[in-house]
Amino acid sequence: MVDNTEKDLDVVEQEEEKETKTYTEEELQALLQKEADKRVSEALKTNKEKLEAEFQQRLEDEKNKVAETVNMTAEEKAKAEFEAEKQAWEKEKAEFERQKLELATTKKLAEQGLPSEFALLVLGNDEEETDNNIENFKEHWKNSLEKAVNERLSGTAPKTGNSRPKANMTKEEFGKLSYKERTALLEKDPNYMGKLK
């Protein structure tokens, strides 16, 4: 127990002996730049490794495709090419349908008076799902707007500008009034300055 306490005291004494180093603006900028360079280098290295792995995977896939086609007959090759083109066409068609649905969703939101910026949030897998999402969103949107309006309206009523000045106002209080308020008082009663205490 005593040994641990002595070790702890030694650590505390060593920390106290360390001086706090202060840096000039140039040194600080150099340290920050060095740290930024280090992080960028690490990110680039990670990205490079990822790209190389993806490239190797694609290369292997292509090698496998070539190896498969080497032993194929002309009819089998034609069938494989047809299937590949069919998959590419279906992918393109799906992307087109998605863009078409996004556009329709934006239009529906605008027609219903809802912010079109939320189109991607309510977008579903098909038109029916999207319509259901829009209806749910519309209900939540109206409730939220109503709640926000009610909160604002439930606040204190604004003060009207028809408040009457005190009859026994001091010169200091009169000096604190805005220029407009002072002018209005003096227009109503030109002798008001003489009445001040």
C-alpha atoms as a PDB file:
ATOM      1  CA  MET A   1       0.000   0.000   0.000  1.00  0.00           C
ATOM      2  CA  VAL A   2       2.817   2.373   0.905  1.00  0.00           C
ATOM      3  CA  ASP A   3       4.671   1.511  -2.313  1.00  0.00           C
ATOM      4  CA  ASN A   4       1.634   2.434  -4.435  1.00  0.00           C
ATOM      5  CA  THR A   5       1.243   5.752  -2.646  1.00  0.00           C
ATOM      6  CA  GLU A   6       4.918   6.560  -3.179  1.00  0.00           C
ATOM      7  CA  LYS A   7       4.583   5.702  -6.868  1.00  0.00           C
ATOM      8  CA  ASP A   8       1.522   7.920  -7.148  1.00  0.00           C
ATOM      9  CA  LEU A   9       3.376  10.774  -5.476  1.00  0.00           C
ATOM     10  CA  ASP A  10       6.301  10.295  -7.881  1.00  0.00           C
ATOM     11  CA  VAL A  11       3.935  10.494 -10.865  1.00  0.00           C
ATOM     12  CA  VAL A  12       2.346  13.672  -9.507  1.00  0.00           C
ATOM     13  CA  GLU A  13       5.768  15.226  -8.878  1.00  0.00           C
ATOM     14  CA  GLN A  14       6.895  14.333 -12.414  1.00  0.00           C
ATOM     15  CA  GLU A  15       3.785  15.911 -13.888  1.00  0.00           C
ATOM     16  CA  GLU A  16       4.338  19.081 -11.864  1.00  0.00           C
ATOM     17  CA  GLU A  17       7.923  19.243 -13.068  1.00  0.00           C
ATOM     18  CA  LYS A  18       6.812  19.198 -16.684  1.00  0.00           C
ATOM     19  CA  GLU A  19       6.547  22.724 -17.947  1.00  0.00           C
ATOM     20  CA  THR A  20       3.634  23.922 -19.966  1.00  0.00           C
ATOM     21  CA  LYS A  21       4.947  24.842 -23.362  1.00  0.00           C
ATOM     22  CA  THR A  22       3.639  27.925 -25.078  1.00  0.00           C
ATOM     23  CA  TYR A  23       3.692  28.275 -28.830  1.00  0.00           C
ATOM     24  CA  THR A  24       3.945  31.248 -31.106  1.00  0.00           C
ATOM     25  CA  GLU A  25       1.295  31.732 -33.755  1.00  0.00           C
ATOM     26  CA  GLU A  26       3.645  30.355 -36.428  1.00  0.00           C
ATOM     27  CA  GLU A  27       4.533  27.287 -34.346  1.00  0.00           C
ATOM     28  CA  LEU A  28       0.875  26.632 -33.623  1.00  0.00           C
ATOM     29  CA  GLN A  29      -0.009  26.915 -37.309  1.00  0.00           C
ATOM     30  CA  ALA A  30       2.875  24.576 -38.184  1.00  0.00           C
ATOM     31  CA  LEU A  31       1.665  21.995 -35.624  1.00  0.00           C
ATOM     32  CA  LEU A  32      -1.899  22.251 -36.861  1.00  0.00           C
ATOM     33  CA  GLN A  33      -0.739  21.887 -40.464  1.00  0.00           C
ATOM     34  CA  LYS A  34       1.403  18.880 -39.537  1.00  0.00           C
ATOM     35  CA  GLU A  35      -1.589  17.221 -37.834  1.00  0.00           C
ATOM     36  CA  ALA A  36      -3.868  18.023 -40.793  1.00  0.00           C
ATOM     37  CA  ASP A  37      -1.300  16.601 -43.223  1.00  0.00           C
ATOM     38  CA  LYS A  38      -1.043  13.456 -41.113  1.00  0.00           C
ATOM     39  CA  ARG A  39      -4.821  12.947 -41.118  1.00  0.00           C
ATOM     40  CA  VAL A  40      -5.107  13.630 -44.842  1.00  0.00           C
ATOM     41  CA  SER A  41      -2.309  11.159 -45.532  1.00  0.00           C
ATOM     42  CA  GLU A  42      -4.070   8.509 -43.449  1.00  0.00           C
ATOM     43  CA  ALA A  43      -7.356   9.155 -45.241  1.00  0.00           C
ATOM     44  CA  LEU A  44      -5.652   8.936 -48.631  1.00  0.00           C
ATOM     45  CA  LYS A  45      -3.936   5.710 -47.638  1.00  0.00           C
ATOM     46  CA  THR A  46      -7.217   4.195 -46.463  1.00  0.00           C
ATOM     47  CA  ASN A  47      -8.980   5.318 -49.639  1.00  0.00           C
ATOM     48  CA  LYS A  48      -6.168   3.934 -51.795  1.00  0.00           C
ATOM     49  CA  GLU A  49      -6.384   0.561 -50.043  1.00  0.00           C
ATOM     50  CA  LYS A  50     -10.146   0.500 -50.518  1.00  0.00           C
ATOM     51  CA  LEU A  51      -9.864   1.344 -54.228  1.00  0.00           C
ATOM     52  CA  GLU A  52      -7.178  -1.280 -54.729  1.00  0.00           C
ATOM     53  CA  ALA A  53      -9.361  -3.902 -53.041  1.00  0.00           C
ATOM     54  CA  GLU A  54     -12.316  -2.937 -55.248  1.00  0.00           C
ATOM     55  CA  PHE A  55     -10.091  -3.077 -58.327  1.00  0.00           C
ATOM     56  CA  GLN A  56      -8.793  -6.521 -57.364  1.00  0.00           C
ATOM     57  CA  GLN A  57     -12.350  -7.752 -56.857  1.00  0.00           C
ATOM     58  CA  ARG A  58     -13.435  -6.433 -60.265  1.00  0.00           C
ATOM     59  CA  LEU A  59     -10.361  -7.942 -61.867  1.00  0.00           C
ATOM     60  CA  GLU A  60     -11.159 -11.318 -60.334  1.00  0.00           C
ATOM     61  CA  ASP A  61     -14.775 -11.059 -61.477  1.00  0.00           C
ATOM     62  CA  GLU A  62     -13.696 -10.277 -65.032  1.00  0.00           C
ATOM     63  CA  LYS A  63     -11.179 -13.123 -65.010  1.00  0.00           C
ATOM     64  CA  ASN A  64     -13.910 -15.509 -63.878  1.00  0.00           C
ATOM     65  CA  LYS A  65     -16.241 -14.277 -66.621  1.00  0.00           C
ATOM     66  CA  VAL A  66     -13.542 -14.757 -69.248  1.00  0.00           C
ATOM     67  CA  ALA A  67     -12.731 -18.225 -67.909  1.00  0.00           C
ATOM     68  CA  GLU A  68     -16.417 -19.141 -68.091  1.00  0.00           C
ATOM     69  CA  THR A  69     -16.791 -17.872 -71.648  1.00  0.00           C
ATOM     70  CA  VAL A  70     -13.674 -19.693 -72.900  1.00  0.00           C
ATOM     71  CA  ASN A  71     -15.317 -23.057 -72.505  1.00  0.00           C
ATOM     72  CA  MET A  72     -18.737 -21.891 -73.763  1.00  0.00           C
ATOM     73  CA  THR A  73     -20.185 -22.578 -77.143  1.00  0.00           C
ATOM     74  CA  ALA A  74     -21.281 -19.702 -79.369  1.00  0.00           C
ATOM     75  CA  GLU A  75     -24.872 -20.219 -78.312  1.00  0.00           C
ATOM     76  CA  GLU A  76     -23.979 -20.125 -74.613  1.00  0.00           C
ATOM     77  CA  LYS A  77     -21.887 -16.958 -75.150  1.00  0.00           C
ATOM     78  CA  ALA A  78     -24.775 -15.259 -76.924  1.00  0.00           C
ATOM     79  CA  LYS A  79     -27.122 -16.244 -74.094  1.00  0.00           C
ATOM     80  CA  ALA A  80     -24.693 -14.902 -71.448  1.00  0.00           C
ATOM     81  CA  GLU A  81     -24.318 -11.593 -73.335  1.00  0.00           C
ATOM     82  CA  PHE A  82     -28.087 -11.341 -73.636  1.00  0.00           C
ATOM     83  CA  GLU A  83     -28.516 -11.898 -69.886  1.00  0.00           C
ATOM     84  CA  ALA A  84     -25.874  -9.261 -69.095  1.00  0.00           C
ATOM     85  CA  GLU A  85     -27.564  -6.728 -71.395  1.00  0.00           C
ATOM     86  CA  LYS A  86     -30.950  -7.610 -69.902  1.00  0.00           C
ATOM     87  CA  GLN A  87     -29.663  -6.971 -66.364  1.00  0.00           C
ATOM     88  CA  ALA A  88     -28.153  -3.633 -67.427  1.00  0.00           C
ATOM     89  CA  TRP A  89     -31.426  -2.636 -69.104  1.00  0.00           C
ATOM     90  CA  GLU A  90     -33.486  -3.605 -66.036  1.00  0.00           C
ATOM     91  CA  LYS A  91     -31.162  -1.594 -63.796  1.00  0.00           C
ATOM     92  CA  GLU A  92     -31.493   1.423 -66.077  1.00  0.00           C
ATOM     93  CA  LYS A  93     -35.277   1.007 -66.190  1.00  0.00           C
ATOM     94  CA  ALA A  94     -35.479   0.839 -62.386  1.00  0.00           C
ATOM     95  CA  GLU A  95     -33.410   4.043 -62.110  1.00  0.00           C
ATOM     96  CA  PHE A  96     -35.712   5.766 -64.616  1.00  0.00           C
ATOM     97  CA  GLU A  97     -38.803   4.646 -62.677  1.00  0.00           C
ATOM     98  CA  ARG A  98     -37.260   5.925 -59.454  1.00  0.00           C
ATOM     99  CA  GLN A  99     -36.567   9.347 -60.982  1.00  0.00           C
ATOM    100  CA  LYS A 100     -40.104   9.440 -62.382  1.00  0.00           C
ATOM    101  CA  LEU A 101     -41.512   8.628 -58.922  1.00  0.00           C
ATOM    102  CA  GLU A 102     -39.350  11.335 -57.322  1.00  0.00           C
ATOM    103  CA  LEU A 103     -40.675  13.913 -59.785  1.00  0.00           C
ATOM    104  CA  ALA A 104     -44.274  12.823 -59.222  1.00  0.00           C
ATOM    105  CA  THR A 105     -43.767  12.983 -55.452  1.00  0.00           C
ATOM    106  CA  THR A 106     -42.389  16.513 -55.656  1.00  0.00           C
ATOM    107  CA  LYS A 107     -45.370  17.537 -57.782  1.00  0.00           C
ATOM    108  CA  LYS A 108     -47.886  15.941 -55.370  1.00  0.00           C
ATOM    109  CA  LEU A 109     -46.332  17.687 -52.385  1.00  0.00           C
ATOM    110  CA  ALA A 110     -46.494  21.056 -54.156  1.00  0.00           C
ATOM    111  CA  GLU A 111     -50.137  20.456 -55.162  1.00  0.00           C
ATOM    112  CA  GLN A 112     -51.067  19.770 -51.551  1.00  0.00           C
ATOM    113  CA  GLY A 113     -49.275  22.868 -50.276  1.00  0.00           C
ATOM    114  CA  LEU A 114     -46.503  20.902 -48.584  1.00  0.00           C
ATOM    115  CA  PRO A 115     -42.772  21.707 -48.876  1.00  0.00           C
ATOM    116  CA  SER A 116     -41.352  19.842 -51.870  1.00  0.00           C
ATOM    117  CA  GLU A 117     -37.980  19.600 -50.099  1.00  0.00           C
ATOM    118  CA  PHE A 118     -39.383  16.606 -48.229  1.00  0.00           C
ATOM    119  CA  ALA A 119     -39.922  14.558 -51.407  1.00  0.00           C
ATOM    120  CA  LEU A 120     -37.038  12.173 -50.712  1.00  0.00           C
ATOM    121  CA  LEU A 121     -38.261  11.620 -47.147  1.00  0.00           C
ATOM    122  CA  VAL A 122     -41.756  10.520 -48.191  1.00  0.00           C
ATOM    123  CA  LEU A 123     -40.649   8.599 -51.283  1.00  0.00           C
ATOM    124  CA  GLY A 124     -41.654   4.958 -51.126  1.00  0.00           C
ATOM    125  CA  ASN A 125     -40.876   1.914 -53.263  1.00  0.00           C
ATOM    126  CA  ASP A 126     -43.965   2.491 -55.403  1.00  0.00           C
ATOM    127  CA  GLU A 127     -46.680   5.093 -55.991  1.00  0.00           C
ATOM    128  CA  GLU A 128     -49.115   3.611 -53.478  1.00  0.00           C
ATOM    129  CA  GLU A 129     -46.567   3.550 -50.667  1.00  0.00           C
ATOM    130  CA  THR A 130     -45.499   7.097 -51.558  1.00  0.00           C
ATOM    131  CA  ASP A 131     -49.129   8.310 -51.447  1.00  0.00           C
ATOM    132  CA  ASN A 132     -49.550   6.760 -47.988  1.00  0.00           C
ATOM    133  CA  ASN A 133     -46.325   8.410 -46.829  1.00  0.00           C
ATOM    134  CA  ILE A 134     -47.516  11.788 -48.163  1.00  0.00           C
ATOM    135  CA  GLU A 135     -50.826  11.477 -46.310  1.00  0.00           C
ATOM    136  CA  ASN A 136     -49.050  10.574 -43.058  1.00  0.00           C
ATOM    137  CA  PHE A 137     -46.588  13.416 -43.543  1.00  0.00           C
ATOM    138  CA  LYS A 138     -49.413  15.857 -44.321  1.00  0.00           C
ATOM    139  CA  GLU A 139     -51.190  14.958 -41.086  1.00  0.00           C
ATOM    140  CA  HIS A 140     -48.003  15.323 -38.996  1.00  0.00           C
ATOM    141  CA  TRP A 141     -47.119  18.553 -40.795  1.00  0.00           C
ATOM    142  CA  LYS A 142     -50.529  20.118 -40.081  1.00  0.00           C
ATOM    143  CA  ASN A 143     -50.401  19.051 -36.425  1.00  0.00           C
ATOM    144  CA  SER A 144     -46.916  20.488 -36.010  1.00  0.00           C
ATOM    145  CA  LEU A 145     -47.871  23.776 -37.671  1.00  0.00           C
ATOM    146  CA  GLU A 146     -50.997  24.066 -35.565  1.00  0.00           C
ATOM    147  CA  LYS A 147     -49.025  23.388 -32.397  1.00  0.00           C
ATOM    148  CA  ALA A 148     -46.385  25.991 -33.319  1.00  0.00           C
ATOM    149  CA  VAL A 149     -49.030  28.620 -34.145  1.00  0.00           C
ATOM    150  CA  ASN A 150     -50.899  27.954 -30.898  1.00  0.00           C
ATOM    151  CA  GLU A 151     -47.676  28.270 -28.902  1.00  0.00           C
ATOM    152  CA  ARG A 152     -46.936  31.618 -30.505  1.00  0.00           C
ATOM    153  CA  LEU A 153     -50.488  32.867 -30.011  1.00  0.00           C
ATOM    154  CA  SER A 154     -50.591  31.777 -26.378  1.00  0.00           C
ATOM    155  CA  GLY A 155     -47.777  34.180 -25.476  1.00  0.00           C
ATOM    156  CA  THR A 156     -48.358  37.562 -23.883  1.00  0.00           C
ATOM    157  CA  ALA A 157     -50.211  40.132 -25.903  1.00  0.00           C
ATOM    158  CA  PRO A 158     -48.074  42.915 -27.332  1.00  0.00           C
ATOM    159  CA  LYS A 159     -48.185  46.220 -25.518  1.00  0.00           C
ATOM    160  CA  THR A 160     -50.079  48.975 -27.228  1.00  0.00           C
ATOM    161  CA  GLY A 161     -48.450  52.306 -27.860  1.00  0.00           C
ATOM    162  CA  ASN A 162     -51.278  54.215 -26.132  1.00  0.00           C
ATOM    163  CA  SER A 163     -49.813  54.033 -22.641  1.00  0.00           C
ATOM    164  CA  ARG A 164     -50.141  57.282 -20.762  1.00  0.00           C
ATOM    165  CA  PRO A 165     -47.044  58.788 -19.165  1.00  0.00           C
ATOM    166  CA  LYS A 166     -46.895  59.247 -15.432  1.00  0.00           C
ATOM    167  CA  ALA A 167     -48.108  62.606 -14.242  1.00  0.00           C
ATOM    168  CA  ASN A 168     -45.195  62.965 -11.819  1.00  0.00           C
ATOM    169  CA  MET A 169     -42.362  62.001 -14.204  1.00  0.00           C
ATOM    170  CA  THR A 170     -38.836  63.077 -13.282  1.00  0.00           C
ATOM    171  CA  LYS A 171     -36.380  64.615 -15.717  1.00  0.00           C
ATOM    172  CA  GLU A 172     -34.314  61.406 -15.662  1.00  0.00           C
ATOM    173  CA  GLU A 173     -37.368  59.318 -16.581  1.00  0.00           C
ATOM    174  CA  PHE A 174     -38.244  61.789 -19.330  1.00  0.00           C
ATOM    175  CA  GLY A 175     -34.667  61.520 -20.638  1.00  0.00           C
ATOM    176  CA  LYS A 176     -34.991  57.729 -20.862  1.00  0.00           C
ATOM    177  CA  LEU A 177     -37.983  57.984 -23.200  1.00  0.00           C
ATOM    178  CA  SER A 178     -37.372  57.560 -26.902  1.00  0.00           C
ATOM    179  CA  TYR A 179     -37.221  60.615 -29.116  1.00  0.00           C
ATOM    180  CA  LYS A 180     -40.596  59.721 -30.590  1.00  0.00           C
ATOM    181  CA  GLU A 181     -42.218  59.436 -27.147  1.00  0.00           C
ATOM    182  CA  ARG A 182     -40.767  62.758 -25.992  1.00  0.00           C
ATOM    183  CA  THR A 183     -41.939  64.511 -29.155  1.00  0.00           C
ATOM    184  CA  ALA A 184     -45.442  63.078 -28.786  1.00  0.00           C
ATOM    185  CA  LEU A 185     -45.634  64.293 -25.159  1.00  0.00           C
ATOM    186  CA  LEU A 186     -44.470  67.772 -26.067  1.00  0.00           C
ATOM    187  CA  GLU A 187     -46.925  67.984 -28.982  1.00  0.00           C
ATOM    188  CA  LYS A 188     -49.820  67.093 -26.650  1.00  0.00           C
ATOM    189  CA  ASP A 189     -48.705  69.451 -23.917  1.00  0.00           C
ATOM    190  CA  PRO A 190     -46.039  72.040 -24.874  1.00  0.00           C
ATOM    191  CA  ASN A 191     -45.711  73.008 -21.151  1.00  0.00           C
ATOM    192  CA  TYR A 192     -44.950  69.419 -20.085  1.00  0.00           C
ATOM    193  CA  MET A 193     -41.236  70.177 -19.552  1.00  0.00           C
ATOM    194  CA  GLY A 194     -42.164  72.729 -16.901  1.00  0.00           C
ATOM    195  CA  LYS A 195     -44.179  70.096 -15.031  1.00  0.00           C
ATOM    196  CA  LEU A 196     -41.211  67.725 -14.661  1.00  0.00           C
ATOM    197  CA  LYS A 197     -39.610  67.356 -11.227  1.00  0.00           C
END
